[in-house]
Amino acid sequence: MYQIVNPATGLLVEEFPTATNEQVSAAVGRSHDAYRLWRERPVEDRVLAVKRAGELFRERSEELAAIIAQEMGKRIDEGKGELQLVSDIFAYYAENGPALLSDEQLEIKGGKALIQKRPVGSLIGVMPWNYPYYQVARFVAPNLVLGNTILLKHARNCPRSAAAIEQLLHDAGVPEDAYINIYATSDQIAWMLSDDRIQGISLTGSERAGAAVGATAGRNLKKCVLELGGSDPLIVLDTADMDNTVDTVVSARMGNNGQACNSPKRIIVMDDLFEEFVEKVTARMSYYKPGDPADPQTTLAPLSSQQAADELIEQIQDAVDKGASLLTGGRHIDRPGAFVEPAVLTGVTKDMRAYYEELFGPAIVIYRAASEDEAIALANDSVYGLGASVFSADPTRAQRVGDRLESGMITVNTPPGSLPDVPFGGIKRSGIGRELGPLGIEEFMNKRAVRLP
């Protein structure tokens, strides 16, 4: 069942019926028929609709941010920040789409050739709850410019924002069947992938969900893009301003209440800085106070659900039971809702869940390193490889260490984040493929080779 349970209160707000098999089948047919028309529209027309969508996301930010504050507990100012990024993503592909889709000329022996950049057809998007608008934008904006059509299955706790996105895109000029929101089940998604009219799927979610979708896509010879979990390291080699470094690290970790795949979850600090860094981080975490995410004064929102809160606390308790030090937090807050005290853990070892598992919530794990080599080894000792960050007063040193890290993205002396024009994605169990930037429009593209005499 698609339903809204307000994570700040635990109360059921609204339920939405799951699509029937007949509705799913009809939606696939409508999307396929719409593709035949949408791909023939001049790119300039498609760009106009995408550009207008970006404007509408900005104009409706108050309304849209209020929806996700109730659905998944995002603080209202963070919701507005997410919508600004969404607007920027649509604007980026509207502005750069025609150039990104221009033919590429090749000089070959015995003639000439070119690569034409064309759409492939109807695509499925399976999106998560943690960034309800942004995750959709980075998949949808480039593919609508390219000429593909979209069937979008959102998270079960985001039915209202899913419907709002669909209405906004139609208001912007995207044809009704070129973007279809569908409250489908996982089994229905698997069936859709077996249909020859569907050409690919993009999923952002858990490693488990990605493995299931990847297997189904593989059996049906369908292209997939998978943006999965992350346990990103952030290495502090040295600093000229400890307070500023601590503020940067804590703010990055606590963004979206720690529920971000590319959040820095493993902080690795050199020996000579460790004690001071840990002390200041622990004090800084006391800044966060629980409250209604719709209240602009709130600094600590609930997690997305009680289940998510319980899972995080179990991971923290497992570490404590096996000898880790819990310096602050890590418990349920005594009030209604899925609130967890921000936690700081040290002394985490390989036999603890917190060492290899992703901690999706307000928890920081801090490690001590005696050398650059030890810091790099710790950073790379993960099944994930989404992003990584390095901080140093010496940019050359930071870059040297960053070059040895195993991840799809590196930031040097800047917190991790997302920009419309920079590709986003990882390696290892963090997923397959890239979104955003010039690479984001190429994942579901027919790069057709044409030879000329």
Protein backbone atom coordinates (compact mmCIF):
# COMPACT_ATOMS: atom_id res chain seq x y z
CA MET A 1 0.00 0.00 0.00
CA TYR A 2 1.20 3.48 -0.86
CA GLN A 3 0.57 5.54 2.24
CA ILE A 4 1.69 8.59 4.15
CA VAL A 5 2.61 8.00 7.79
CA ASN A 6 3.89 11.26 9.25
CA PRO A 7 7.28 10.30 10.76
CA ALA A 8 7.09 13.21 13.21
CA THR A 9 3.92 11.81 14.80
CA GLY A 10 3.63 8.19 13.68
CA LEU A 11 0.07 8.86 12.53
CA LEU A 12 -1.43 7.62 9.27
CA VAL A 13 -2.35 10.56 7.03
CA GLU A 14 -3.57 9.02 3.77
CA GLU A 15 -3.55 5.83 1.73
CA PHE A 16 -3.35 5.44 -2.04
CA PRO A 17 -4.45 2.30 -3.94
CA THR A 18 -1.82 0.23 -5.72
CA ALA A 19 -2.24 0.05 -9.50
CA THR A 20 -4.03 -2.99 -10.91
CA ASN A 21 -2.31 -5.22 -13.45
CA GLU A 22 -4.68 -3.84 -16.08
CA GLN A 23 -3.66 -0.28 -15.24
CA VAL A 24 0.03 -1.19 -15.44
CA SER A 25 -0.41 -2.87 -18.82
CA ALA A 26 -2.32 0.12 -20.15
CA ALA A 27 0.35 2.51 -18.87
CA VAL A 28 3.08 0.63 -20.72
CA GLY A 29 1.09 0.85 -23.94
CA ARG A 30 0.40 4.56 -23.47
CA SER A 31 4.07 5.28 -22.76
CA HIS A 32 5.21 3.37 -25.84
CA ASP A 33 2.72 5.18 -28.08
CA ALA A 34 3.74 8.53 -26.61
CA TYR A 35 7.40 7.76 -27.31
CA ARG A 36 6.73 7.49 -31.03
CA LEU A 37 5.39 11.05 -30.99
CA TRP A 38 7.69 12.62 -28.38
CA ARG A 39 10.88 11.47 -30.14
CA GLU A 40 9.72 13.19 -33.34
CA ARG A 41 9.18 16.53 -31.65
CA PRO A 42 12.06 18.93 -32.36
CA VAL A 43 14.54 19.04 -29.51
CA GLU A 44 13.74 22.73 -29.17
CA ASP A 45 10.15 21.82 -28.23
CA ARG A 46 11.25 19.23 -25.71
CA VAL A 47 13.68 21.71 -24.21
CA LEU A 48 10.95 24.29 -23.74
CA ALA A 49 8.90 21.86 -21.65
CA VAL A 50 11.92 20.89 -19.55
CA LYS A 51 12.87 24.54 -19.03
CA ARG A 52 9.33 25.39 -17.91
CA ALA A 53 9.36 22.42 -15.52
CA GLY A 54 12.44 23.86 -13.83
CA GLU A 55 10.67 27.18 -13.42
CA LEU A 56 7.59 25.53 -11.93
CA PHE A 57 9.65 23.59 -9.39
CA ARG A 58 11.01 26.90 -8.18
CA GLU A 59 7.62 28.65 -8.22
CA ARG A 60 5.92 25.82 -6.29
CA SER A 61 8.73 25.19 -3.80
CA GLU A 62 6.68 26.16 -0.73
CA GLU A 63 3.89 23.74 -1.58
CA LEU A 64 6.20 20.92 -2.65
CA ALA A 65 8.49 21.24 0.39
CA ALA A 66 5.47 21.02 2.70
CA ILE A 67 4.45 17.72 1.08
CA ILE A 68 7.73 15.95 1.76
CA ALA A 69 7.98 17.38 5.27
CA GLN A 70 4.89 15.30 6.03
CA GLU A 71 5.75 12.30 3.85
CA MET A 72 9.34 11.58 4.87
CA GLY A 73 10.18 14.20 7.48
CA LYS A 74 12.49 16.55 5.59
CA ARG A 75 12.98 19.89 7.30
CA ILE A 76 11.23 22.65 5.41
CA ASP A 77 14.39 24.64 4.60
CA GLU A 78 16.14 21.51 3.32
CA GLY A 79 13.09 20.76 1.18
CA LYS A 80 13.33 24.19 -0.40
CA GLY A 81 17.05 23.67 -0.96
CA GLU A 82 16.34 20.37 -2.70
CA LEU A 83 13.83 22.08 -4.98
CA GLN A 84 16.34 24.77 -5.93
CA LEU A 85 18.73 22.01 -7.03
CA VAL A 86 15.90 20.34 -8.96
CA SER A 87 15.19 23.62 -10.75
CA ASP A 88 18.88 23.95 -11.60
CA ILE A 89 19.00 20.40 -13.01
CA PHE A 90 16.09 21.03 -15.36
CA ALA A 91 17.64 24.36 -16.38
CA TYR A 92 21.00 22.69 -17.08
CA TYR A 93 19.53 20.14 -19.48
CA ALA A 94 17.27 22.72 -21.09
CA GLU A 95 20.26 24.97 -21.77
CA ASN A 96 22.79 22.30 -22.74
CA GLY A 97 20.54 19.62 -24.22
CA PRO A 98 20.78 20.64 -27.90
CA ALA A 99 24.59 20.73 -27.78
CA LEU A 100 24.79 17.41 -25.90
CA LEU A 101 22.59 15.81 -28.59
CA SER A 102 24.45 17.20 -31.60
CA ASP A 103 26.02 14.74 -34.02
CA GLU A 104 29.64 13.81 -33.38
CA GLN A 105 31.80 13.81 -36.51
CA LEU A 106 34.42 11.05 -36.94
CA GLU A 107 37.30 11.02 -39.37
CA ILE A 108 37.91 7.48 -40.62
CA LYS A 109 39.99 5.86 -43.33
CA GLY A 110 38.16 5.71 -46.62
CA GLY A 111 35.40 8.17 -45.82
CA LYS A 112 33.60 9.86 -43.00
CA ALA A 113 31.31 8.79 -40.17
CA LEU A 114 29.24 10.34 -37.48
CA ILE A 115 27.59 9.33 -34.25
CA GLN A 116 23.96 10.33 -33.99
CA LYS A 117 22.50 10.67 -30.49
CA ARG A 118 18.97 9.31 -30.37
CA PRO A 119 16.48 8.10 -27.75
CA VAL A 120 15.71 4.43 -27.18
CA GLY A 121 12.10 4.32 -25.96
CA SER A 122 10.05 3.92 -22.80
CA LEU A 123 11.96 3.77 -19.53
CA ILE A 124 11.08 2.85 -15.96
CA GLY A 125 12.28 4.93 -13.03
CA VAL A 126 12.21 3.45 -9.51
CA MET A 127 12.91 6.22 -7.03
CA PRO A 128 13.61 6.41 -3.27
CA TRP A 129 12.13 8.52 -0.50
CA ASN A 130 15.18 10.42 0.79
CA TYR A 131 15.22 13.10 -1.94
CA PRO A 132 11.75 12.75 -3.48
CA TYR A 133 12.18 15.48 -6.12
CA TYR A 134 15.92 15.52 -6.77
CA GLN A 135 16.19 11.79 -7.45
CA VAL A 136 13.43 12.03 -10.04
CA ALA A 137 14.89 15.16 -11.63
CA ARG A 138 18.30 13.74 -12.40
CA PHE A 139 16.73 10.80 -14.24
CA VAL A 140 13.80 12.53 -15.89
CA ALA A 141 15.22 15.86 -17.09
CA PRO A 142 17.91 14.47 -19.43
CA ASN A 143 15.72 11.68 -20.77
CA LEU A 144 12.83 13.98 -21.61
CA VAL A 145 15.25 16.24 -23.50
CA LEU A 146 16.64 13.19 -25.29
CA GLY A 147 13.17 12.03 -26.35
CA ASN A 148 12.58 9.03 -24.12
CA THR A 149 9.32 8.60 -22.19
CA ILE A 150 9.04 7.73 -18.51
CA LEU A 151 7.03 5.42 -16.27
CA LEU A 152 7.83 6.48 -12.72
CA LYS A 153 7.38 4.29 -9.65
CA HIS A 154 8.10 6.33 -6.55
CA ALA A 155 8.69 5.14 -2.99
CA ARG A 156 5.62 3.85 -1.15
CA ASN A 157 5.79 6.65 1.40
CA CYS A 158 5.94 9.41 -1.25
CA PRO A 159 2.64 9.08 -3.15
CA ARG A 160 1.63 12.73 -2.83
CA SER A 161 4.94 14.15 -4.05
CA ALA A 162 4.90 11.59 -6.88
CA ALA A 163 1.52 12.86 -8.03
CA ALA A 164 2.66 16.47 -7.67
CA ILE A 165 5.67 15.83 -9.94
CA GLU A 166 3.44 14.29 -12.61
CA GLN A 167 1.03 17.23 -12.51
CA LEU A 168 3.86 19.75 -12.66
CA LEU A 169 5.47 18.12 -15.69
CA HIS A 170 2.16 18.02 -17.54
CA ASP A 171 1.56 21.67 -16.64
CA ALA A 172 5.00 22.45 -18.09
CA GLY A 173 4.07 20.96 -21.46
CA VAL A 174 5.26 17.36 -21.21
CA PRO A 175 2.56 15.24 -22.90
CA GLU A 176 0.34 13.31 -20.51
CA ASP A 177 1.59 9.89 -21.58
CA ALA A 178 5.24 10.91 -21.95
CA TYR A 179 5.49 10.94 -18.15
CA ILE A 180 3.27 8.59 -16.16
CA ASN A 181 3.27 8.23 -12.39
CA ILE A 182 2.29 4.69 -11.43
CA TYR A 183 1.74 3.22 -7.97
CA ALA A 184 3.15 -0.17 -8.97
CA THR A 185 4.38 -3.14 -6.96
CA SER A 186 7.82 -4.73 -7.26
CA ASP A 187 6.28 -7.70 -9.06
CA GLN A 188 4.65 -5.37 -11.55
CA ILE A 189 7.97 -3.65 -12.20
CA ALA A 190 9.52 -7.06 -12.96
CA TRP A 191 6.68 -7.79 -15.38
CA MET A 192 7.12 -4.41 -17.06
CA LEU A 193 10.82 -5.15 -17.60
CA SER A 194 9.88 -8.32 -19.48
CA ASP A 195 7.80 -6.30 -21.96
CA ASP A 196 9.60 -5.61 -25.25
CA ARG A 197 8.21 -2.07 -25.29
CA ILE A 198 10.28 -1.15 -22.22
CA GLN A 199 13.91 -0.35 -23.01
CA GLY A 200 15.55 0.21 -19.64
CA ILE A 201 15.28 1.03 -15.98
CA SER A 202 16.95 3.42 -13.56
CA LEU A 203 16.79 2.62 -9.84
CA THR A 204 18.07 4.58 -6.89
CA GLY A 205 17.79 2.62 -3.67
CA SER A 206 19.27 -0.09 -1.53
CA GLU A 207 21.88 -2.62 -2.57
CA ARG A 208 19.27 -5.36 -2.17
CA ALA A 209 16.77 -3.60 -4.45
CA GLY A 210 19.51 -2.88 -6.99
CA ALA A 211 20.59 -6.52 -7.11
CA ALA A 212 17.00 -7.64 -7.71
CA VAL A 213 16.34 -5.09 -10.44
CA GLY A 214 19.74 -5.71 -12.05
CA ALA A 215 19.07 -9.44 -12.20
CA THR A 216 15.64 -8.93 -13.76
CA ALA A 217 17.00 -6.41 -16.26
CA GLY A 218 19.81 -8.79 -17.19
CA ARG A 219 17.45 -11.70 -17.81
CA ASN A 220 15.46 -9.48 -20.13
CA LEU A 221 18.50 -7.85 -21.80
CA LYS A 222 17.50 -4.38 -20.66
CA LYS A 223 19.86 -1.53 -19.85
CA CYS A 224 19.90 -0.50 -16.19
CA VAL A 225 21.38 2.34 -14.17
CA LEU A 226 21.72 1.58 -10.46
CA GLU A 227 22.58 4.22 -7.86
CA LEU A 228 22.81 2.28 -4.62
CA GLY A 229 24.26 2.68 -1.15
CA GLY A 230 27.38 4.38 0.05
CA SER A 231 29.60 4.46 3.10
CA ASP A 232 31.70 7.38 2.00
CA PRO A 233 34.98 8.17 3.75
CA LEU A 234 36.11 11.68 4.60
CA ILE A 235 39.80 12.02 5.49
CA VAL A 236 41.07 14.92 7.59
CA LEU A 237 44.84 15.06 7.02
CA ASP A 238 45.45 18.44 8.68
CA THR A 239 43.68 21.73 9.14
CA ALA A 240 44.43 25.39 9.64
CA ASP A 241 41.02 25.94 11.26
CA MET A 242 39.72 23.05 13.35
CA ASP A 243 36.40 24.70 14.20
CA ASN A 244 35.60 25.34 10.55
CA THR A 245 36.59 21.79 9.58
CA VAL A 246 34.39 20.32 12.31
CA ASP A 247 31.44 22.48 11.27
CA THR A 248 31.90 21.44 7.65
CA VAL A 249 32.09 17.74 8.46
CA VAL A 250 29.15 17.71 10.86
CA SER A 251 26.96 19.78 8.55
CA ALA A 252 27.74 17.46 5.65
CA ARG A 253 27.00 14.36 7.70
CA MET A 254 23.78 15.72 9.19
CA GLY A 255 22.31 16.98 5.92
CA ASN A 256 18.90 15.37 5.39
CA ASN A 257 19.33 13.94 8.91
CA GLY A 258 22.14 11.70 7.65
CA GLN A 259 19.86 9.99 5.12
CA ALA A 260 21.94 10.55 2.00
CA CYS A 261 23.83 7.95 0.00
CA ASN A 262 26.81 10.27 -0.55
CA SER A 263 26.95 11.60 3.01
CA PRO A 264 30.39 11.24 4.67
CA LYS A 265 29.71 8.32 7.00
CA ARG A 266 33.28 7.29 7.92
CA ILE A 267 35.46 10.14 9.17
CA ILE A 268 39.16 9.26 9.21
CA VAL A 269 41.34 11.64 11.19
CA MET A 270 45.11 11.73 11.61
CA ASP A 271 46.55 10.84 15.01
CA ASP A 272 47.66 14.31 16.01
CA LEU A 273 44.19 15.80 15.37
CA PHE A 274 42.05 12.93 16.61
CA GLU A 275 41.34 13.84 20.25
CA GLU A 276 40.52 17.49 19.55
CA PHE A 277 38.44 16.60 16.50
CA VAL A 278 36.37 14.01 18.38
CA GLU A 279 35.77 16.36 21.31
CA LYS A 280 34.57 19.19 19.06
CA VAL A 281 32.39 16.94 16.89
CA THR A 282 30.71 15.48 19.98
CA ALA A 283 29.97 18.97 21.30
CA ARG A 284 28.74 20.13 17.90
CA MET A 285 26.17 17.30 17.69
CA SER A 286 24.38 18.74 20.73
CA TYR A 287 23.24 21.62 18.50
CA TYR A 288 20.55 19.45 16.93
CA LYS A 289 17.15 19.60 18.66
CA PRO A 290 14.07 17.62 17.60
CA GLY A 291 10.92 19.24 16.35
CA ASP A 292 8.27 19.36 13.65
CA PRO A 293 10.08 19.34 10.26
CA ALA A 294 7.52 21.85 9.00
CA ASP A 295 8.72 24.33 11.65
CA PRO A 296 11.61 26.46 10.32
CA GLN A 297 13.14 26.52 13.82
CA THR A 298 13.59 22.72 13.93
CA THR A 299 17.19 21.51 13.62
CA LEU A 300 16.65 17.74 14.01
CA ALA A 301 13.97 16.05 11.91
CA PRO A 302 12.66 12.52 12.40
CA LEU A 303 13.98 9.67 10.33
CA SER A 304 11.73 8.59 7.48
CA SER A 305 9.99 5.88 9.52
CA GLN A 306 10.04 4.10 12.85
CA GLN A 307 11.55 1.08 11.11
CA ALA A 308 14.45 3.22 9.88
CA ALA A 309 15.00 4.58 13.40
CA ASP A 310 14.95 1.09 14.93
CA GLU A 311 17.44 -0.21 12.34
CA LEU A 312 19.93 2.59 12.99
CA ILE A 313 19.74 2.09 16.76
CA GLU A 314 20.32 -1.67 16.32
CA GLN A 315 23.48 -0.96 14.29
CA ILE A 316 24.76 1.45 16.93
CA GLN A 317 23.95 -0.94 19.79
CA ASP A 318 25.73 -3.79 18.00
CA ALA A 319 28.89 -1.68 17.91
CA VAL A 320 28.58 -0.76 21.58
CA ASP A 321 27.98 -4.37 22.59
CA LYS A 322 31.20 -5.36 20.80
CA GLY A 323 33.36 -2.68 22.41
CA ALA A 324 32.90 0.57 20.49
CA SER A 325 32.60 3.85 22.40
CA LEU A 326 29.32 5.73 22.05
CA LEU A 327 30.24 9.29 23.00
CA THR A 328 26.79 10.78 22.62
CA GLY A 329 23.30 9.95 21.37
CA GLY A 330 22.23 6.75 19.67
CA ARG A 331 18.90 6.36 21.45
CA HIS A 332 15.24 7.02 20.70
CA ILE A 333 14.17 10.49 21.76
CA ASP A 334 11.33 10.35 24.26
CA ARG A 335 8.59 11.90 22.14
CA PRO A 336 6.22 10.72 19.40
CA GLY A 337 7.83 10.07 16.04
CA ALA A 338 10.93 8.43 14.59
CA PHE A 339 13.48 10.66 16.33
CA VAL A 340 17.00 9.43 17.16
CA GLU A 341 19.64 11.31 19.15
CA PRO A 342 22.62 12.21 16.93
CA ALA A 343 25.38 9.71 17.70
CA VAL A 344 29.19 9.72 17.67
CA LEU A 345 31.00 6.37 17.61
CA THR A 346 34.72 5.65 17.95
CA GLY A 347 36.60 2.37 18.29
CA VAL A 348 34.55 0.65 15.57
CA THR A 349 36.20 -2.58 14.35
CA LYS A 350 35.63 -5.03 11.52
CA ASP A 351 33.47 -7.39 13.58
CA MET A 352 30.82 -4.68 14.05
CA ARG A 353 27.95 -3.97 11.68
CA ALA A 354 28.85 -0.27 11.70
CA TYR A 355 32.21 -0.98 10.05
CA TYR A 356 30.89 -2.27 6.72
CA GLU A 357 27.19 -1.40 6.74
CA GLU A 358 25.77 1.95 5.71
CA LEU A 359 24.47 3.97 8.66
CA PHE A 360 21.50 5.83 7.22
CA GLY A 361 20.77 8.44 9.85
CA PRO A 362 22.31 10.90 12.32
CA ALA A 363 25.42 8.95 13.28
CA ILE A 364 29.11 9.71 12.77
CA VAL A 365 31.81 7.03 12.98
CA ILE A 366 35.30 8.46 13.55
CA TYR A 367 38.50 6.48 12.96
CA ARG A 368 42.10 7.27 13.91
CA ALA A 369 44.91 6.91 11.35
CA ALA A 370 48.65 7.05 12.02
CA SER A 371 49.70 7.74 8.41
CA GLU A 372 48.40 8.62 4.99
CA ASP A 373 48.75 5.00 3.93
CA GLU A 374 46.67 3.82 6.89
CA ALA A 375 44.01 6.45 6.17
CA ILE A 376 43.83 5.37 2.52
CA ALA A 377 43.62 1.68 3.47
CA LEU A 378 40.75 2.42 5.87
CA ALA A 379 38.94 4.51 3.28
CA ASN A 380 39.20 1.81 0.62
CA ASP A 381 38.20 -1.02 2.97
CA SER A 382 34.55 -0.94 1.94
CA VAL A 383 32.23 -2.80 -0.37
CA TYR A 384 30.95 0.60 -1.48
CA GLY A 385 32.60 3.17 -3.71
CA LEU A 386 30.29 6.11 -4.23
CA GLY A 387 32.18 9.20 -3.07
CA ALA A 388 35.10 10.26 -0.90
CA SER A 389 36.47 13.52 0.48
CA VAL A 390 39.91 14.72 1.56
CA PHE A 391 40.66 17.80 3.64
CA SER A 392 44.08 19.40 4.08
CA ALA A 393 45.57 22.88 4.30
CA ASP A 394 47.88 21.67 1.53
CA PRO A 395 45.76 21.12 -1.63
CA THR A 396 48.56 19.15 -3.29
CA ARG A 397 48.64 16.71 -0.39
CA ALA A 398 44.86 16.37 -0.45
CA GLN A 399 44.86 15.70 -4.20
CA ARG A 400 47.66 13.13 -3.85
CA VAL A 401 45.66 11.18 -1.28
CA GLY A 402 42.41 11.60 -3.20
CA ASP A 403 43.98 10.07 -6.29
CA ARG A 404 44.44 6.80 -4.39
CA LEU A 405 40.84 6.45 -3.21
CA GLU A 406 38.47 3.92 -4.77
CA SER A 407 35.28 5.79 -5.56
CA GLY A 408 33.23 7.26 -8.37
CA MET A 409 33.51 10.82 -7.01
CA ILE A 410 36.15 12.74 -5.06
CA THR A 411 35.87 16.16 -3.42
CA VAL A 412 38.96 18.00 -2.20
CA ASN A 413 38.60 20.55 0.60
CA THR A 414 34.87 20.77 -0.04
CA PRO A 415 32.02 18.70 1.35
CA PRO A 416 30.34 16.12 -0.87
CA GLY A 417 27.25 17.23 -2.70
CA SER A 418 25.54 17.29 -6.07
CA LEU A 419 25.78 19.72 -8.98
CA PRO A 420 23.74 19.63 -12.20
CA ASP A 421 26.82 19.72 -14.43
CA VAL A 422 28.99 17.15 -12.58
CA PRO A 423 28.40 13.40 -13.15
CA PHE A 424 27.14 11.46 -10.13
CA GLY A 425 27.69 7.74 -9.52
CA GLY A 426 29.89 5.10 -7.97
CA ILE A 427 31.79 1.86 -8.34
CA LYS A 428 31.78 -1.48 -6.53
CA ARG A 429 28.45 -2.10 -4.74
CA SER A 430 27.48 1.55 -5.01
CA GLY A 431 26.04 0.94 -8.43
CA ILE A 432 26.30 1.07 -12.20
CA GLY A 433 26.18 4.09 -14.48
CA ARG A 434 26.19 7.86 -14.09
CA GLU A 435 23.62 10.60 -13.72
CA LEU A 436 23.84 14.38 -14.14
CA GLY A 437 26.29 16.36 -16.25
CA PRO A 438 27.06 15.40 -19.84
CA LEU A 439 27.23 11.70 -18.94
CA GLY A 440 23.72 11.66 -17.48
CA ILE A 441 22.04 12.08 -20.85
CA GLU A 442 24.04 9.24 -22.44
CA GLU A 443 22.93 6.27 -20.31
CA PHE A 444 19.71 5.61 -22.26
CA MET A 445 20.94 6.94 -25.57
CA ASN A 446 21.24 5.17 -28.92
CA LYS A 447 24.67 6.30 -30.11
CA ARG A 448 24.01 5.39 -33.70
CA ALA A 449 27.00 5.14 -36.02
CA VAL A 450 26.50 6.34 -39.59
CA ARG A 451 29.15 5.79 -42.29
CA LEU A 452 29.29 8.16 -45.24
CA PRO A 453 31.09 7.73 -48.57
